[in-house]
Amino acid sequence: MILLNREATPVGLEQRYIAKKMSDNYSEDPQGGAGKGSALHTEKIITDRKTFFLDLKENERGRFIKITEDVRGRRDTIMVPIEAVNEFLDALENIVEADEKSH
């Protein structure tokens, strides 16, 4: 289980989580592809046959987290604007709690 610490700041409705699934035009480097540029910070999670890369990046529109899932060379990526990260984490925490209650 991965625990994430974060500052609790309210996120307005207009800043709802935005995700974009991307499956084409990747480079072999998880730092490349969509949202090109060097990562400001990177975390890597390895589970079973999957590897997840979490990259804090920045472009002309602002900072975002690029989450890439790699399964035997096939990659899927979503981008989460930094303004929506707290709401995204709240949703993940709700899912974990629901899973724990169901056991």
N, C-alpha and C. Protein backbone atom coordinates (compact mmCIF):
# COMPACT_ATOMS: atom_id res chain seq x y z
N MET A 1 0.85 -1.19 0.00
CA MET A 1 0.00 0.00 0.00
C MET A 1 0.88 1.23 0.00
N ILE A 2 0.55 2.22 -0.77
CA ILE A 2 1.31 3.45 -0.86
C ILE A 2 0.52 4.54 -0.17
N LEU A 3 1.14 5.21 0.76
CA LEU A 3 0.49 6.32 1.45
C LEU A 3 1.06 7.62 0.91
N LEU A 4 0.20 8.55 0.60
CA LEU A 4 0.62 9.83 0.06
C LEU A 4 0.29 10.94 1.05
N ASN A 5 1.27 11.75 1.36
CA ASN A 5 1.03 12.92 2.21
C ASN A 5 0.83 14.12 1.30
N ARG A 6 -0.07 14.99 1.70
CA ARG A 6 -0.32 16.18 0.89
C ARG A 6 -0.96 17.25 1.75
N GLU A 7 -0.88 18.47 1.27
CA GLU A 7 -1.55 19.57 1.94
C GLU A 7 -3.02 19.55 1.56
N ALA A 8 -3.86 19.78 2.51
CA ALA A 8 -5.30 19.81 2.22
C ALA A 8 -5.68 21.22 1.78
N THR A 9 -5.96 21.36 0.50
CA THR A 9 -6.43 22.64 -0.02
C THR A 9 -7.67 22.38 -0.86
N PRO A 10 -8.70 23.20 -0.72
CA PRO A 10 -9.92 22.96 -1.48
C PRO A 10 -9.71 23.15 -2.97
N VAL A 11 -10.38 22.35 -3.73
CA VAL A 11 -10.33 22.45 -5.19
C VAL A 11 -11.74 22.76 -5.66
N GLY A 12 -11.90 23.85 -6.40
CA GLY A 12 -13.22 24.26 -6.88
C GLY A 12 -13.74 23.34 -7.96
N LEU A 13 -15.04 23.42 -8.19
CA LEU A 13 -15.67 22.58 -9.20
C LEU A 13 -15.08 22.84 -10.58
N GLU A 14 -14.70 24.08 -10.85
CA GLU A 14 -14.15 24.41 -12.16
C GLU A 14 -12.77 23.79 -12.37
N GLN A 15 -12.17 23.28 -11.28
CA GLN A 15 -10.85 22.67 -11.37
C GLN A 15 -10.94 21.16 -11.25
N ARG A 16 -12.05 20.59 -11.68
CA ARG A 16 -12.25 19.14 -11.61
C ARG A 16 -11.08 18.43 -12.29
N TYR A 17 -10.85 17.24 -11.81
CA TYR A 17 -9.80 16.40 -12.37
C TYR A 17 -9.98 16.23 -13.87
N ILE A 18 -8.90 16.43 -14.58
CA ILE A 18 -8.90 16.29 -16.03
C ILE A 18 -7.88 15.20 -16.36
N ALA A 19 -8.30 14.20 -17.07
CA ALA A 19 -7.38 13.13 -17.44
C ALA A 19 -7.44 12.95 -18.94
N LYS A 20 -6.33 12.68 -19.51
CA LYS A 20 -6.28 12.43 -20.93
C LYS A 20 -5.53 11.13 -21.16
N LYS A 21 -6.20 10.16 -21.70
CA LYS A 21 -5.56 8.88 -21.98
C LYS A 21 -4.85 8.98 -23.32
N MET A 22 -3.63 8.54 -23.31
CA MET A 22 -2.86 8.61 -24.53
C MET A 22 -2.20 7.25 -24.77
N SER A 23 -2.26 6.75 -25.96
CA SER A 23 -1.67 5.45 -26.23
C SER A 23 -0.78 5.45 -27.46
N ASP A 24 -0.62 6.56 -28.13
CA ASP A 24 0.20 6.62 -29.33
C ASP A 24 1.33 7.62 -29.15
N ASN A 25 2.31 7.53 -30.03
CA ASN A 25 3.41 8.50 -30.10
C ASN A 25 4.25 8.60 -28.84
N TYR A 26 4.61 7.46 -28.27
CA TYR A 26 5.48 7.45 -27.11
C TYR A 26 6.91 7.20 -27.55
N SER A 27 7.82 7.80 -26.86
CA SER A 27 9.21 7.42 -27.02
C SER A 27 9.46 6.26 -26.08
N GLU A 28 10.60 5.62 -26.15
CA GLU A 28 10.91 4.52 -25.25
C GLU A 28 11.21 5.02 -23.85
N ASP A 29 11.52 6.28 -23.70
CA ASP A 29 11.84 6.88 -22.41
C ASP A 29 10.56 7.37 -21.75
N PRO A 30 10.24 6.90 -20.51
CA PRO A 30 9.01 7.36 -19.87
C PRO A 30 9.01 8.86 -19.61
N GLN A 31 10.17 9.48 -19.68
CA GLN A 31 10.25 10.93 -19.51
C GLN A 31 9.83 11.67 -20.78
N GLY A 32 9.87 10.98 -21.91
CA GLY A 32 9.55 11.61 -23.18
C GLY A 32 8.08 11.48 -23.50
N GLY A 33 7.77 11.44 -24.79
CA GLY A 33 6.39 11.29 -25.20
C GLY A 33 5.59 12.54 -24.89
N ALA A 34 4.32 12.35 -24.58
CA ALA A 34 3.43 13.48 -24.29
C ALA A 34 3.95 14.24 -23.08
N GLY A 35 3.86 15.54 -23.10
CA GLY A 35 4.36 16.33 -21.98
C GLY A 35 5.87 16.33 -21.97
N LYS A 36 6.48 16.46 -23.15
CA LYS A 36 7.93 16.39 -23.25
C LYS A 36 8.60 17.41 -22.34
N GLY A 37 9.84 17.12 -22.04
CA GLY A 37 10.62 17.97 -21.16
C GLY A 37 11.07 17.15 -19.97
N SER A 38 12.08 17.63 -19.31
CA SER A 38 12.58 16.86 -18.18
C SER A 38 11.61 16.95 -17.00
N ALA A 39 11.55 15.87 -16.26
CA ALA A 39 10.66 15.82 -15.09
C ALA A 39 11.29 16.61 -13.96
N LEU A 40 10.46 17.33 -13.20
CA LEU A 40 10.92 18.05 -12.03
C LEU A 40 11.12 17.08 -10.87
N HIS A 41 10.35 16.00 -10.86
CA HIS A 41 10.47 14.94 -9.86
C HIS A 41 9.84 13.69 -10.43
N THR A 42 10.41 12.52 -10.14
CA THR A 42 9.89 11.26 -10.65
C THR A 42 9.83 10.22 -9.55
N GLU A 43 8.76 9.43 -9.56
CA GLU A 43 8.62 8.27 -8.68
C GLU A 43 8.33 7.08 -9.57
N LYS A 44 8.77 5.89 -9.16
CA LYS A 44 8.55 4.67 -9.91
C LYS A 44 7.99 3.61 -8.98
N ILE A 45 6.93 2.94 -9.41
CA ILE A 45 6.30 1.89 -8.63
C ILE A 45 6.27 0.63 -9.49
N ILE A 46 6.79 -0.48 -8.94
CA ILE A 46 6.80 -1.74 -9.67
C ILE A 46 5.92 -2.73 -8.92
N THR A 47 4.91 -3.27 -9.61
CA THR A 47 4.02 -4.28 -9.03
C THR A 47 3.79 -5.36 -10.07
N ASP A 48 3.96 -6.61 -9.66
CA ASP A 48 3.74 -7.74 -10.55
C ASP A 48 4.35 -7.49 -11.92
N ARG A 49 3.51 -7.40 -12.93
CA ARG A 49 4.01 -7.22 -14.30
C ARG A 49 3.90 -5.77 -14.78
N LYS A 50 3.50 -4.87 -13.89
CA LYS A 50 3.31 -3.47 -14.28
C LYS A 50 4.34 -2.57 -13.62
N THR A 51 4.70 -1.52 -14.33
CA THR A 51 5.55 -0.47 -13.79
C THR A 51 4.81 0.86 -13.98
N PHE A 52 4.74 1.65 -12.92
CA PHE A 52 4.12 2.97 -13.00
C PHE A 52 5.18 4.04 -12.82
N PHE A 53 5.14 5.06 -13.67
CA PHE A 53 6.01 6.22 -13.54
C PHE A 53 5.11 7.41 -13.21
N LEU A 54 5.47 8.16 -12.18
CA LEU A 54 4.75 9.37 -11.82
C LEU A 54 5.74 10.52 -11.94
N ASP A 55 5.51 11.38 -12.90
CA ASP A 55 6.42 12.49 -13.19
C ASP A 55 5.75 13.83 -12.95
N LEU A 56 6.38 14.66 -12.14
CA LEU A 56 5.95 16.05 -12.00
C LEU A 56 6.62 16.82 -13.12
N LYS A 57 5.81 17.43 -13.97
CA LYS A 57 6.33 18.15 -15.13
C LYS A 57 5.72 19.54 -15.20
N GLU A 58 6.25 20.32 -16.14
CA GLU A 58 5.74 21.68 -16.33
C GLU A 58 5.81 22.03 -17.81
N ASN A 59 4.75 22.71 -18.28
CA ASN A 59 4.76 23.23 -19.64
C ASN A 59 4.21 24.66 -19.61
N GLU A 60 3.90 25.21 -20.78
CA GLU A 60 3.44 26.60 -20.84
C GLU A 60 2.09 26.80 -20.14
N ARG A 61 1.31 25.74 -19.93
CA ARG A 61 0.01 25.86 -19.24
C ARG A 61 0.11 25.64 -17.74
N GLY A 62 1.26 25.21 -17.25
CA GLY A 62 1.43 25.00 -15.82
C GLY A 62 2.01 23.63 -15.49
N ARG A 63 1.97 23.30 -14.21
CA ARG A 63 2.50 22.02 -13.74
C ARG A 63 1.42 20.95 -13.78
N PHE A 64 1.88 19.70 -13.95
CA PHE A 64 0.98 18.57 -14.01
C PHE A 64 1.74 17.32 -13.61
N ILE A 65 0.98 16.28 -13.29
CA ILE A 65 1.57 14.98 -13.01
C ILE A 65 1.23 14.07 -14.17
N LYS A 66 2.25 13.50 -14.76
CA LYS A 66 2.10 12.54 -15.85
C LYS A 66 2.22 11.15 -15.23
N ILE A 67 1.16 10.36 -15.33
CA ILE A 67 1.16 9.00 -14.77
C ILE A 67 1.16 8.02 -15.93
N THR A 68 2.22 7.22 -16.01
CA THR A 68 2.38 6.26 -17.10
C THR A 68 2.37 4.85 -16.54
N GLU A 69 1.55 3.99 -17.13
CA GLU A 69 1.52 2.57 -16.80
C GLU A 69 2.21 1.84 -17.95
N ASP A 70 3.22 1.04 -17.61
CA ASP A 70 3.93 0.24 -18.61
C ASP A 70 3.69 -1.23 -18.31
N VAL A 71 3.11 -1.94 -19.27
CA VAL A 71 2.88 -3.37 -19.15
C VAL A 71 3.55 -4.03 -20.35
N ARG A 72 4.72 -4.59 -20.10
CA ARG A 72 5.47 -5.29 -21.16
C ARG A 72 5.65 -4.43 -22.40
N GLY A 73 5.98 -3.17 -22.22
CA GLY A 73 6.24 -2.28 -23.34
C GLY A 73 5.04 -1.50 -23.85
N ARG A 74 3.85 -1.86 -23.44
CA ARG A 74 2.65 -1.11 -23.84
C ARG A 74 2.38 -0.05 -22.78
N ARG A 75 2.26 1.18 -23.20
CA ARG A 75 2.11 2.28 -22.25
C ARG A 75 0.80 3.03 -22.44
N ASP A 76 0.21 3.38 -21.31
CA ASP A 76 -0.95 4.26 -21.27
C ASP A 76 -0.61 5.37 -20.29
N THR A 77 -1.04 6.58 -20.62
CA THR A 77 -0.67 7.75 -19.81
C THR A 77 -1.88 8.65 -19.59
N ILE A 78 -1.94 9.21 -18.39
CA ILE A 78 -2.89 10.29 -18.12
C ILE A 78 -2.12 11.48 -17.58
N MET A 79 -2.67 12.65 -17.78
CA MET A 79 -2.10 13.90 -17.26
C MET A 79 -3.08 14.46 -16.24
N VAL A 80 -2.60 14.79 -15.06
CA VAL A 80 -3.44 15.37 -14.02
C VAL A 80 -2.89 16.77 -13.70
N PRO A 81 -3.64 17.83 -14.01
CA PRO A 81 -3.19 19.18 -13.68
C PRO A 81 -2.95 19.30 -12.18
N ILE A 82 -1.91 20.00 -11.80
CA ILE A 82 -1.55 20.11 -10.38
C ILE A 82 -2.70 20.68 -9.56
N GLU A 83 -3.54 21.52 -10.17
CA GLU A 83 -4.68 22.09 -9.46
C GLU A 83 -5.71 21.04 -9.07
N ALA A 84 -5.70 19.89 -9.74
CA ALA A 84 -6.69 18.85 -9.48
C ALA A 84 -6.13 17.69 -8.66
N VAL A 85 -4.88 17.77 -8.26
CA VAL A 85 -4.25 16.64 -7.58
C VAL A 85 -4.93 16.30 -6.26
N ASN A 86 -5.29 17.28 -5.46
CA ASN A 86 -5.94 16.99 -4.18
C ASN A 86 -7.26 16.25 -4.37
N GLU A 87 -8.04 16.67 -5.34
CA GLU A 87 -9.32 16.01 -5.61
C GLU A 87 -9.07 14.59 -6.14
N PHE A 88 -8.06 14.43 -6.96
CA PHE A 88 -7.68 13.12 -7.49
C PHE A 88 -7.29 12.19 -6.34
N LEU A 89 -6.49 12.69 -5.41
CA LEU A 89 -6.07 11.88 -4.25
C LEU A 89 -7.24 11.55 -3.34
N ASP A 90 -8.15 12.50 -3.16
CA ASP A 90 -9.36 12.23 -2.36
C ASP A 90 -10.15 11.07 -2.97
N ALA A 91 -10.29 11.08 -4.28
CA ALA A 91 -11.02 10.01 -4.96
C ALA A 91 -10.31 8.67 -4.77
N LEU A 92 -8.99 8.66 -4.87
CA LEU A 92 -8.23 7.42 -4.64
C LEU A 92 -8.40 6.93 -3.21
N GLU A 93 -8.36 7.84 -2.25
CA GLU A 93 -8.55 7.46 -0.85
C GLU A 93 -9.94 6.87 -0.63
N ASN A 94 -10.97 7.44 -1.28
CA ASN A 94 -12.33 6.90 -1.17
C ASN A 94 -12.41 5.49 -1.74
N ILE A 95 -11.71 5.25 -2.82
CA ILE A 95 -11.70 3.91 -3.43
C ILE A 95 -11.01 2.92 -2.51
N VAL A 96 -9.88 3.31 -1.91
CA VAL A 96 -9.16 2.42 -0.99
C VAL A 96 -10.04 2.11 0.22
N GLU A 97 -10.71 3.12 0.78
CA GLU A 97 -11.61 2.89 1.92
C GLU A 97 -12.75 1.95 1.55
N ALA A 98 -13.33 2.14 0.37
CA ALA A 98 -14.42 1.26 -0.08
C ALA A 98 -13.91 -0.17 -0.24
N ASP A 99 -12.71 -0.34 -0.73
CA ASP A 99 -12.13 -1.67 -0.88
C ASP A 99 -11.88 -2.31 0.47
N GLU A 100 -11.37 -1.53 1.42
CA GLU A 100 -11.09 -2.07 2.77
C GLU A 100 -12.38 -2.48 3.46
N LYS A 101 -13.48 -1.73 3.26
CA LYS A 101 -14.76 -2.05 3.86
C LYS A 101 -15.38 -3.31 3.26
N SER A 102 -15.05 -3.59 2.01
CA SER A 102 -15.67 -4.72 1.33
C SER A 102 -15.02 -6.06 1.70
N HIS A 103 -13.94 -6.04 2.47
CA HIS A 103 -13.28 -7.29 2.85
C HIS A 103 -13.71 -7.74 4.21
